[in-house]
Amino acid sequence: MSVRHDRLELLDRYLRVPTISSQVTPEMVDTVRAFWRAVGLELVPLAPEDGRGTPALFGELPGPPGAPALLLYGHYDVQPTGDLSRWRWEGVECRPFEPSYFREGKRVDPSALDERALDDVVVVARGGADNKGQHLSNALGALDAARAGTAQWTVKIILDGEEEHGSPSLAAIARAHPARLAADVLIGSDGPKHQNRPTLVMGVRGLLSVDIVADNGQPVSVHSGNYGNIVPNPVLPLARLIEDIEARVRDYAARHDRFHREATEVFAKWRDKAVWKPYLWPTVNVSHLMTDGASPELRRTIIPRSVHARLDIRLTPDTPLAAMVEIVERAAADHRTRTRGIAFTVKTSGQPASYTSPARPEFGWLLRLLEQQDEGEPIAVPILGGTLPLHVFTESLGIPALWIPAANSGNQQHDVNEHYVLRHFYRQIALYAAIVSSRPA
């Protein structure tokens, strides 16, 4: 058996721990820690001062005297499985926490393959691409550099246990453990590469969640004929409020566009090679709209007493969280005064966008290392469309953060049949060994 086979066996063991987000038990945390102890890394749990939530796990690989600190981020929680009957690959039934291996359209036993043939193997399992396979490869690369004596950094590793449901404890953990998490730079890996090419990301959009209830004050929903023109219907007033919120967010973004202009200019070289231009603007999305008494099967001619909407507003560095919360609350207040008989109740929660300027030396340094991966010219993008908890590090701890996705494109993360092409696993190990063995010029 080769080193490559040994590392695949580690990945296999890790993927078998069913750490579904919000369902992680203390026993699972102990199993994860025991796994990492066998890998060669002692991880200690970090929790907020109130002790709630799933802990993050933290470890450290000491570097040479006076070495700067490099913080590696990943998350050990995974998405729910989805419909188990739909977990099938090449017509073969698979189980999300029992890794299945395929090569050239056929199920295989990877232990029987030549080590170079492993590059083309696809592992089908929950957490392979998102995120266990990615951060395992990063940590293995760091361990390789430390054991070879080439490390130029003290490497700190934090594994979030709640990323898949919004990392609600991470900011509190950072406040409780600032010295442990202090670092000169953070590098993390999550999400897919663009077109399977080396990808460097400088930021992520934030997310503002908004719950709005419009209520006409009635104790129950009423007959739409008997009470039409008497009792106000809250649905259209809520729709008008949502439309107004979108217009106000769009107007704010048009008047505050410094990040948009910088990103358009600095990343122009990659403008036609990756999708990122739509992410330079905020979006207002309605993900839920439900009236009291609604039924998809029954025909009910009622004036509902209330209607509930849930919005997710994706934020950019030009649209800060506090300003967007103010827009939502101001719009709701304005509509309360202009809509007779309707009350609006608003609840918000969210996290800001995060962005690290490409003027920092780490940008060119990592691009040069990515060029050596023999996967084509690297692609650099200013920001992802989705949201990750990078603001905890960039805003709360003042650590610049850069992102190097390590999973194959189209890996179906968050869906059934999540899969990871092992070529990317092995190349990421080599990349992180090179990162830990060098520094920005």
Protein backbone atom coordinates (compact mmCIF):
# COMPACT_ATOMS: atom_id res chain seq x y z
CA MET A 1 0.00 0.00 0.00
CA SER A 2 1.24 3.47 -0.88
CA VAL A 3 1.08 6.76 0.99
CA ARG A 4 -1.75 7.71 -1.36
CA HIS A 5 -3.72 4.63 -0.35
CA ASP A 6 -3.10 5.40 3.33
CA ARG A 7 -4.45 8.91 2.90
CA LEU A 8 -7.51 7.69 1.08
CA GLU A 9 -8.11 5.32 3.99
CA LEU A 10 -8.03 8.35 6.31
CA LEU A 11 -10.58 10.14 4.13
CA ASP A 12 -12.77 7.03 4.14
CA ARG A 13 -12.72 6.86 7.96
CA TYR A 14 -13.49 10.55 8.31
CA LEU A 15 -16.47 10.42 5.94
CA ARG A 16 -18.06 7.63 7.96
CA VAL A 17 -18.65 9.92 10.95
CA PRO A 18 -22.24 11.21 10.38
CA THR A 19 -21.74 14.76 11.64
CA ILE A 20 -24.96 16.22 10.24
CA SER A 21 -25.17 19.88 11.15
CA SER A 22 -27.34 20.63 14.22
CA GLN A 23 -27.27 16.90 15.02
CA VAL A 24 -23.64 16.56 16.12
CA THR A 25 -23.46 14.77 19.47
CA PRO A 26 -20.66 14.92 22.08
CA GLU A 27 -19.83 11.34 21.13
CA MET A 28 -19.34 12.39 17.50
CA VAL A 29 -17.07 15.22 18.61
CA ASP A 30 -14.99 12.69 20.57
CA THR A 31 -14.83 10.45 17.49
CA VAL A 32 -13.66 13.34 15.33
CA ARG A 33 -10.99 14.29 17.86
CA ALA A 34 -9.80 10.67 18.07
CA PHE A 35 -9.57 10.58 14.27
CA TRP A 36 -7.37 13.68 14.19
CA ARG A 37 -5.25 12.39 17.05
CA ALA A 38 -4.47 9.34 14.93
CA VAL A 39 -3.62 11.63 12.00
CA GLY A 40 -1.11 13.44 14.23
CA LEU A 41 -3.00 16.50 15.36
CA GLU A 42 -4.42 17.10 18.82
CA LEU A 43 -7.58 19.19 18.56
CA VAL A 44 -9.20 20.83 21.57
CA PRO A 45 -12.84 21.98 21.66
CA LEU A 46 -13.51 25.71 21.67
CA ALA A 47 -16.95 26.86 22.78
CA PRO A 48 -18.56 30.20 23.62
CA GLU A 49 -18.45 31.26 27.25
CA ASP A 50 -22.03 30.05 27.72
CA GLY A 51 -21.02 26.58 26.47
CA ARG A 52 -23.89 26.33 23.99
CA GLY A 53 -23.77 24.95 20.48
CA THR A 54 -21.42 22.52 18.79
CA PRO A 55 -17.80 23.32 19.60
CA ALA A 56 -15.19 24.29 17.06
CA LEU A 57 -12.01 22.24 17.18
CA PHE A 58 -8.59 23.89 17.35
CA GLY A 59 -5.05 22.62 16.92
CA GLU A 60 -1.58 24.00 16.31
CA LEU A 61 1.62 22.91 14.57
CA PRO A 62 4.53 24.96 15.95
CA GLY A 63 6.81 26.54 13.38
CA PRO A 64 10.39 27.77 13.61
CA PRO A 65 11.17 30.47 16.21
CA GLY A 66 9.60 33.80 15.30
CA ALA A 67 7.51 32.31 12.48
CA PRO A 68 4.28 34.10 11.49
CA ALA A 69 1.00 32.34 12.12
CA LEU A 70 -1.13 30.83 9.36
CA LEU A 71 -4.72 29.93 10.29
CA LEU A 72 -6.45 27.19 8.28
CA TYR A 73 -10.26 27.08 8.38
CA GLY A 74 -12.59 24.18 7.60
CA HIS A 75 -15.80 22.71 8.97
CA TYR A 76 -16.49 19.17 10.13
CA ASP A 77 -20.29 19.37 10.10
CA VAL A 78 -22.07 18.30 6.92
CA GLN A 79 -25.41 18.75 5.19
CA PRO A 80 -28.38 16.43 5.85
CA THR A 81 -28.55 13.45 3.51
CA GLY A 82 -31.70 14.30 1.56
CA ASP A 83 -33.75 11.52 -0.03
CA LEU A 84 -31.79 8.31 0.60
CA SER A 85 -33.47 6.55 -2.33
CA ARG A 86 -31.85 9.02 -4.73
CA TRP A 87 -28.29 8.23 -3.65
CA ARG A 88 -27.28 6.30 -6.79
CA TRP A 89 -24.12 6.60 -8.89
CA GLU A 90 -23.70 4.88 -12.26
CA GLY A 91 -26.93 3.05 -11.43
CA VAL A 92 -25.49 1.68 -8.19
CA GLU A 93 -27.14 2.33 -4.82
CA CYS A 94 -24.92 4.32 -2.46
CA ARG A 95 -25.17 5.29 1.19
CA PRO A 96 -24.13 8.80 2.21
CA PHE A 97 -21.96 7.75 5.17
CA GLU A 98 -20.53 4.59 3.58
CA PRO A 99 -18.17 5.91 0.88
CA SER A 100 -18.52 4.29 -2.55
CA TYR A 101 -15.76 4.42 -5.15
CA PHE A 102 -16.08 4.54 -8.94
CA ARG A 103 -13.64 4.70 -11.83
CA GLU A 104 -14.49 4.83 -15.53
CA GLY A 105 -18.15 4.22 -14.77
CA LYS A 106 -17.65 1.14 -12.59
CA ARG A 107 -17.60 0.58 -8.87
CA VAL A 108 -14.10 -0.26 -7.70
CA ASP A 109 -12.09 -1.24 -4.65
CA PRO A 110 -9.46 1.53 -4.49
CA SER A 111 -7.07 -0.65 -2.47
CA ALA A 112 -6.70 -2.87 -5.56
CA LEU A 113 -5.74 0.04 -7.85
CA ASP A 114 -2.32 1.39 -8.71
CA GLU A 115 -1.65 4.56 -6.74
CA ARG A 116 -1.67 6.74 -9.88
CA ALA A 117 -5.04 5.35 -10.93
CA LEU A 118 -6.50 6.86 -7.75
CA ASP A 119 -6.49 10.30 -9.41
CA ASP A 120 -9.49 9.30 -11.52
CA VAL A 121 -11.48 7.71 -8.70
CA VAL A 122 -14.72 9.39 -7.63
CA VAL A 123 -15.76 8.96 -4.00
CA VAL A 124 -19.51 9.31 -3.44
CA ALA A 125 -20.29 10.29 0.15
CA ARG A 126 -21.69 13.13 2.20
CA GLY A 127 -18.91 15.50 3.26
CA GLY A 128 -16.37 14.40 0.66
CA ALA A 129 -16.35 17.72 -1.16
CA ASP A 130 -18.03 19.77 1.58
CA ASN A 131 -15.91 19.97 3.60
CA LYS A 132 -14.07 17.04 5.14
CA GLY A 133 -12.08 16.10 2.04
CA GLN A 134 -10.98 19.68 1.55
CA HIS A 135 -9.75 20.50 5.05
CA LEU A 136 -8.28 17.04 5.54
CA SER A 137 -6.06 17.58 2.50
CA ASN A 138 -5.05 21.02 3.78
CA ALA A 139 -4.06 19.66 7.19
CA LEU A 140 -2.18 16.72 5.66
CA GLY A 141 -0.16 19.14 3.53
CA ALA A 142 0.68 21.21 6.60
CA LEU A 143 1.73 18.07 8.48
CA ASP A 144 3.94 17.04 5.55
CA ALA A 145 5.77 20.37 5.69
CA ALA A 146 6.14 20.20 9.48
CA ARG A 147 7.52 16.65 9.38
CA ALA A 148 9.89 17.49 6.54
CA GLY A 149 11.26 20.45 8.48
CA THR A 150 10.35 22.90 5.69
CA ALA A 151 7.55 24.76 7.49
CA GLN A 152 7.96 28.54 7.59
CA TRP A 153 4.76 29.16 9.54
CA THR A 154 3.22 28.24 12.83
CA VAL A 155 0.07 26.58 11.53
CA LYS A 156 -3.18 26.92 13.45
CA ILE A 157 -6.22 24.92 12.42
CA ILE A 158 -9.84 25.65 13.32
CA LEU A 159 -12.65 23.33 12.31
CA ASP A 160 -16.12 24.85 12.64
CA GLY A 161 -18.86 22.52 13.86
CA GLU A 162 -21.81 24.66 12.73
CA GLU A 163 -21.00 26.08 9.30
CA GLU A 164 -23.86 24.31 7.55
CA HIS A 165 -26.42 26.14 9.69
CA GLY A 166 -24.79 29.56 9.70
CA SER A 167 -21.95 29.24 12.26
CA PRO A 168 -24.06 30.82 15.03
CA SER A 169 -21.40 30.25 17.71
CA LEU A 170 -18.27 31.16 15.76
CA ALA A 171 -18.23 34.89 16.57
CA ALA A 172 -18.66 34.15 20.28
CA ILE A 173 -15.89 31.55 20.08
CA ALA A 174 -13.59 34.14 18.47
CA ARG A 175 -14.39 36.63 21.24
CA ALA A 176 -13.69 34.01 23.90
CA HIS A 177 -10.41 32.78 22.37
CA PRO A 178 -8.78 35.71 20.53
CA ALA A 179 -5.20 34.77 21.45
CA ARG A 180 -5.52 31.21 20.21
CA LEU A 181 -7.01 32.31 16.90
CA ALA A 182 -4.64 35.25 16.34
CA ALA A 183 -2.87 34.88 12.99
CA ASP A 184 -1.16 36.85 10.25
CA VAL A 185 -3.36 35.40 7.51
CA LEU A 186 -6.18 32.88 7.11
CA ILE A 187 -6.47 30.49 4.18
CA GLY A 188 -9.51 28.27 3.84
CA SER A 189 -11.00 25.90 1.33
CA ASP A 190 -14.66 25.26 0.59
CA GLY A 191 -16.83 25.11 -2.49
CA PRO A 192 -15.94 24.08 -6.05
CA LYS A 193 -13.18 25.26 -8.33
CA HIS A 194 -14.20 27.30 -11.35
CA GLN A 195 -14.09 24.99 -14.38
CA ASN A 196 -11.88 22.60 -12.38
CA ARG A 197 -9.03 25.11 -12.54
CA PRO A 198 -7.01 26.48 -9.60
CA THR A 199 -9.15 29.20 -8.06
CA LEU A 200 -8.33 32.01 -5.64
CA VAL A 201 -11.16 33.91 -3.95
CA MET A 202 -10.80 37.16 -2.03
CA GLY A 203 -14.19 37.43 -0.35
CA VAL A 204 -17.74 36.24 0.19
CA ARG A 205 -21.09 37.95 0.20
CA GLY A 206 -22.85 38.49 3.51
CA LEU A 207 -26.38 37.45 4.32
CA LEU A 208 -29.23 39.33 5.98
CA SER A 209 -32.22 37.15 6.90
CA VAL A 210 -35.49 39.05 7.26
CA ASP A 211 -38.77 37.75 8.65
CA ILE A 212 -41.79 40.01 8.13
CA VAL A 213 -45.32 39.40 9.33
CA ALA A 214 -48.16 41.61 8.09
CA ASP A 215 -51.27 41.39 10.31
CA ASN A 216 -54.73 42.95 10.02
CA GLY A 217 -55.54 42.57 13.73
CA GLN A 218 -58.33 40.04 13.29
CA PRO A 219 -58.45 37.03 15.64
CA VAL A 220 -59.13 34.69 12.69
CA SER A 221 -59.21 34.72 8.89
CA VAL A 222 -62.61 35.80 7.55
CA HIS A 223 -64.96 35.21 4.59
CA SER A 224 -63.71 37.17 1.57
CA GLY A 225 -67.24 38.02 0.42
CA ASN A 226 -68.80 39.02 3.69
CA TYR A 227 -65.76 41.00 4.78
CA GLY A 228 -64.41 42.23 1.45
CA ASN A 229 -63.88 46.03 1.48
CA ILE A 230 -64.32 45.90 5.27
CA VAL A 231 -61.34 43.94 6.60
CA PRO A 232 -58.03 44.73 4.88
CA ASN A 233 -56.09 41.91 3.26
CA PRO A 234 -52.41 42.00 4.41
CA VAL A 235 -50.94 40.21 1.37
CA LEU A 236 -50.65 43.09 -1.10
CA PRO A 237 -49.37 45.54 1.53
CA LEU A 238 -46.63 43.04 2.37
CA ALA A 239 -45.82 42.57 -1.31
CA ARG A 240 -45.53 46.35 -1.73
CA LEU A 241 -43.22 46.53 1.29
CA ILE A 242 -40.97 43.81 -0.15
CA GLU A 243 -40.87 45.60 -3.51
CA ASP A 244 -39.94 48.84 -1.73
CA ILE A 245 -37.17 47.12 0.25
CA GLU A 246 -35.68 45.78 -2.97
CA ALA A 247 -35.81 49.23 -4.57
CA ARG A 248 -34.16 50.87 -1.57
CA VAL A 249 -31.38 48.27 -1.44
CA ARG A 250 -30.78 48.70 -5.18
CA ASP A 251 -30.69 52.49 -4.82
CA TYR A 252 -28.21 52.30 -1.93
CA ALA A 253 -25.93 50.01 -3.93
CA ALA A 254 -26.01 52.40 -6.92
CA ARG A 255 -24.84 55.25 -4.67
CA HIS A 256 -22.15 53.22 -2.85
CA ASP A 257 -20.03 51.35 -5.40
CA ARG A 258 -16.37 51.63 -4.38
CA PHE A 259 -15.91 47.86 -4.04
CA HIS A 260 -17.81 47.28 -7.29
CA ARG A 261 -15.51 49.63 -9.20
CA GLU A 262 -12.32 48.19 -7.68
CA ALA A 263 -13.33 44.60 -8.35
CA THR A 264 -14.35 45.37 -11.93
CA GLU A 265 -10.97 46.97 -12.62
CA VAL A 266 -8.57 44.71 -10.69
CA PHE A 267 -10.14 41.40 -11.73
CA ALA A 268 -10.84 42.37 -15.35
CA LYS A 269 -8.33 39.74 -16.54
CA TRP A 270 -10.64 36.98 -15.33
CA ARG A 271 -13.93 38.63 -16.26
CA ASP A 272 -14.80 36.10 -18.98
CA LYS A 273 -13.29 33.07 -17.25
CA ALA A 274 -15.44 32.81 -14.14
CA VAL A 275 -18.85 33.85 -12.86
CA TRP A 276 -18.50 36.72 -10.40
CA LYS A 277 -19.87 39.92 -11.92
CA PRO A 278 -23.46 39.25 -10.72
CA TYR A 279 -22.14 38.90 -7.18
CA LEU A 280 -20.84 42.47 -7.07
CA TRP A 281 -24.42 43.64 -6.42
CA PRO A 282 -26.76 42.72 -3.56
CA THR A 283 -29.83 40.59 -4.17
CA VAL A 284 -33.20 40.56 -2.39
CA ASN A 285 -34.69 37.09 -2.57
CA VAL A 286 -38.08 35.93 -1.26
CA SER A 287 -37.59 32.37 -0.06
CA HIS A 288 -40.91 31.96 1.78
CA LEU A 289 -44.38 33.51 1.52
CA MET A 290 -47.29 31.99 3.44
CA THR A 291 -50.69 33.28 4.51
CA ASP A 292 -52.54 32.17 7.59
CA GLY A 293 -54.77 29.25 6.64
CA ALA A 294 -53.03 28.62 3.30
CA SER A 295 -53.47 25.20 1.75
CA PRO A 296 -52.05 23.92 -1.56
CA GLU A 297 -54.96 21.44 -1.88
CA LEU A 298 -58.00 23.29 -0.58
CA ARG A 299 -59.79 26.26 -2.20
CA ARG A 300 -60.34 28.75 0.61
CA THR A 301 -62.01 32.08 -0.20
CA ILE A 302 -60.74 33.94 2.85
CA ILE A 303 -59.12 37.17 3.81
CA PRO A 304 -56.14 35.86 5.80
CA ARG A 305 -55.52 37.56 9.09
CA SER A 306 -51.74 37.49 8.53
CA VAL A 307 -49.05 36.70 6.00
CA HIS A 308 -45.43 35.81 6.66
CA ALA A 309 -42.50 36.37 4.31
CA ARG A 310 -38.86 35.40 4.68
CA LEU A 311 -36.21 37.24 2.68
CA ASP A 312 -32.53 36.54 2.23
CA ILE A 313 -30.58 39.60 1.19
CA ARG A 314 -27.08 38.83 -0.08
CA LEU A 315 -24.72 41.62 0.89
CA THR A 316 -21.56 43.02 -0.69
CA PRO A 317 -18.82 45.16 0.87
CA ASP A 318 -20.70 48.15 -0.63
CA THR A 319 -23.90 47.21 1.25
CA PRO A 320 -22.92 46.77 4.92
CA LEU A 321 -25.11 44.81 7.28
CA ALA A 322 -26.08 47.71 9.57
CA ALA A 323 -27.12 49.90 6.62
CA MET A 324 -29.28 47.14 5.16
CA VAL A 325 -30.97 46.46 8.50
CA GLU A 326 -31.75 50.18 8.73
CA ILE A 327 -33.24 50.14 5.22
CA VAL A 328 -35.53 47.23 6.11
CA GLU A 329 -36.66 48.74 9.39
CA ARG A 330 -37.16 52.22 7.90
CA ALA A 331 -39.21 50.81 5.02
CA ALA A 332 -41.41 48.84 7.44
CA ALA A 333 -41.94 51.96 9.57
CA ASP A 334 -42.90 54.01 6.51
CA HIS A 335 -45.40 51.39 5.34
CA ARG A 336 -46.98 51.17 8.80
CA THR A 337 -47.95 54.81 8.54
CA ARG A 338 -49.28 54.61 4.98
CA THR A 339 -51.23 51.33 5.21
CA ARG A 340 -54.36 51.60 7.33
CA GLY A 341 -55.33 48.58 9.35
CA ILE A 342 -52.10 46.62 8.72
CA ALA A 343 -49.27 46.15 11.21
CA PHE A 344 -45.80 44.97 10.16
CA THR A 345 -43.49 43.04 12.49
CA VAL A 346 -39.86 42.65 11.40
CA LYS A 347 -37.06 40.43 12.72
CA THR A 348 -33.56 40.43 11.25
CA SER A 349 -30.32 38.53 11.70
CA GLY A 350 -27.24 38.30 9.56
CA GLN A 351 -23.56 38.50 8.88
CA PRO A 352 -21.62 41.01 6.78
CA ALA A 353 -19.69 40.44 3.61
CA SER A 354 -15.94 39.84 3.84
CA TYR A 355 -13.30 41.04 1.41
CA THR A 356 -9.50 41.06 1.45
CA SER A 357 -7.82 43.42 -0.98
CA PRO A 358 -5.69 41.90 -3.76
CA ALA A 359 -3.15 44.63 -2.94
CA ARG A 360 -1.95 42.37 -0.10
CA PRO A 361 1.20 40.33 -0.86
CA GLU A 362 -0.59 37.03 -0.23
CA PHE A 363 -2.58 37.50 -3.44
CA GLY A 364 0.39 37.27 -5.81
CA TRP A 365 2.12 34.64 -3.67
CA LEU A 366 -0.81 32.24 -3.79
CA LEU A 367 -1.42 32.85 -7.50
CA ARG A 368 2.19 31.84 -8.20
CA LEU A 369 1.79 28.65 -6.17
CA LEU A 370 -1.47 27.84 -7.96
CA GLU A 371 0.28 28.26 -11.31
CA GLN A 372 2.54 25.35 -10.34
CA GLN A 373 -0.41 22.94 -9.97
CA ASP A 374 -0.44 21.96 -13.64
CA GLU A 375 -4.21 22.42 -13.90
CA GLY A 376 -4.23 25.38 -16.23
CA GLU A 377 -4.00 29.10 -15.57
CA PRO A 378 -5.40 30.03 -12.15
CA ILE A 379 -8.61 32.03 -11.90
CA ALA A 380 -8.93 34.81 -9.34
CA VAL A 381 -12.33 36.18 -8.33
CA PRO A 382 -13.18 39.03 -5.96
CA ILE A 383 -16.14 37.45 -4.24
CA LEU A 384 -18.35 34.38 -4.09
CA GLY A 385 -22.10 34.53 -4.47
CA GLY A 386 -22.65 32.52 -1.31
CA THR A 387 -21.88 33.24 2.32
CA LEU A 388 -19.20 31.89 4.64
CA PRO A 389 -18.30 33.13 8.14
CA LEU A 390 -15.13 34.89 7.03
CA HIS A 391 -16.27 38.15 8.63
CA VAL A 392 -15.52 36.61 12.03
CA PHE A 393 -11.86 36.62 11.06
CA THR A 394 -11.57 39.68 8.84
CA GLU A 395 -13.86 41.98 10.84
CA SER A 396 -13.70 40.69 14.42
CA LEU A 397 -10.09 39.48 14.55
CA GLY A 398 -8.55 41.65 11.82
CA ILE A 399 -7.07 38.69 9.91
CA PRO A 400 -6.89 38.90 6.09
CA ALA A 401 -8.62 35.87 4.60
CA LEU A 402 -8.08 34.19 1.22
CA TRP A 403 -9.97 31.21 -0.12
CA ILE A 404 -8.77 28.32 -2.31
CA PRO A 405 -11.64 25.95 -3.24
CA ALA A 406 -10.42 22.39 -3.56
CA ALA A 407 -13.42 20.42 -4.83
CA ASN A 408 -14.23 19.51 -8.41
CA SER A 409 -16.83 21.57 -10.22
CA GLY A 410 -20.37 20.16 -10.14
CA ASN A 411 -19.71 18.05 -7.05
CA GLN A 412 -23.39 18.24 -5.92
CA GLN A 413 -22.57 19.46 -2.45
CA HIS A 414 -25.78 20.05 -0.45
CA ASP A 415 -27.55 17.58 -2.78
CA VAL A 416 -27.78 13.82 -3.01
CA ASN A 417 -24.79 12.08 -4.63
CA GLU A 418 -22.20 14.51 -3.33
CA HIS A 419 -18.92 13.36 -4.83
CA TYR A 420 -15.23 14.22 -4.80
CA VAL A 421 -12.74 13.42 -7.56
CA LEU A 422 -9.60 12.29 -5.77
CA ARG A 423 -7.27 14.12 -8.15
CA HIS A 424 -8.25 17.31 -6.35
CA PHE A 425 -7.70 15.74 -2.94
CA TYR A 426 -4.11 14.75 -3.70
CA ARG A 427 -3.20 18.00 -5.46
CA GLN A 428 -4.51 20.00 -2.52
CA ILE A 429 -2.21 18.12 -0.15
CA ALA A 430 0.79 19.08 -2.29
CA LEU A 431 -0.43 22.68 -2.58
CA TYR A 432 -0.73 23.16 1.17
CA ALA A 433 2.67 21.61 1.77
CA ALA A 434 4.04 24.26 -0.63
CA ILE A 435 2.05 27.03 1.08
CA VAL A 436 3.33 26.14 4.53
CA SER A 437 6.89 25.82 3.18
CA SER A 438 6.98 29.34 1.70
CA ARG A 439 5.98 32.93 2.44
CA PRO A 440 4.88 35.96 0.44
CA ALA A 441 7.78 37.83 -1.13
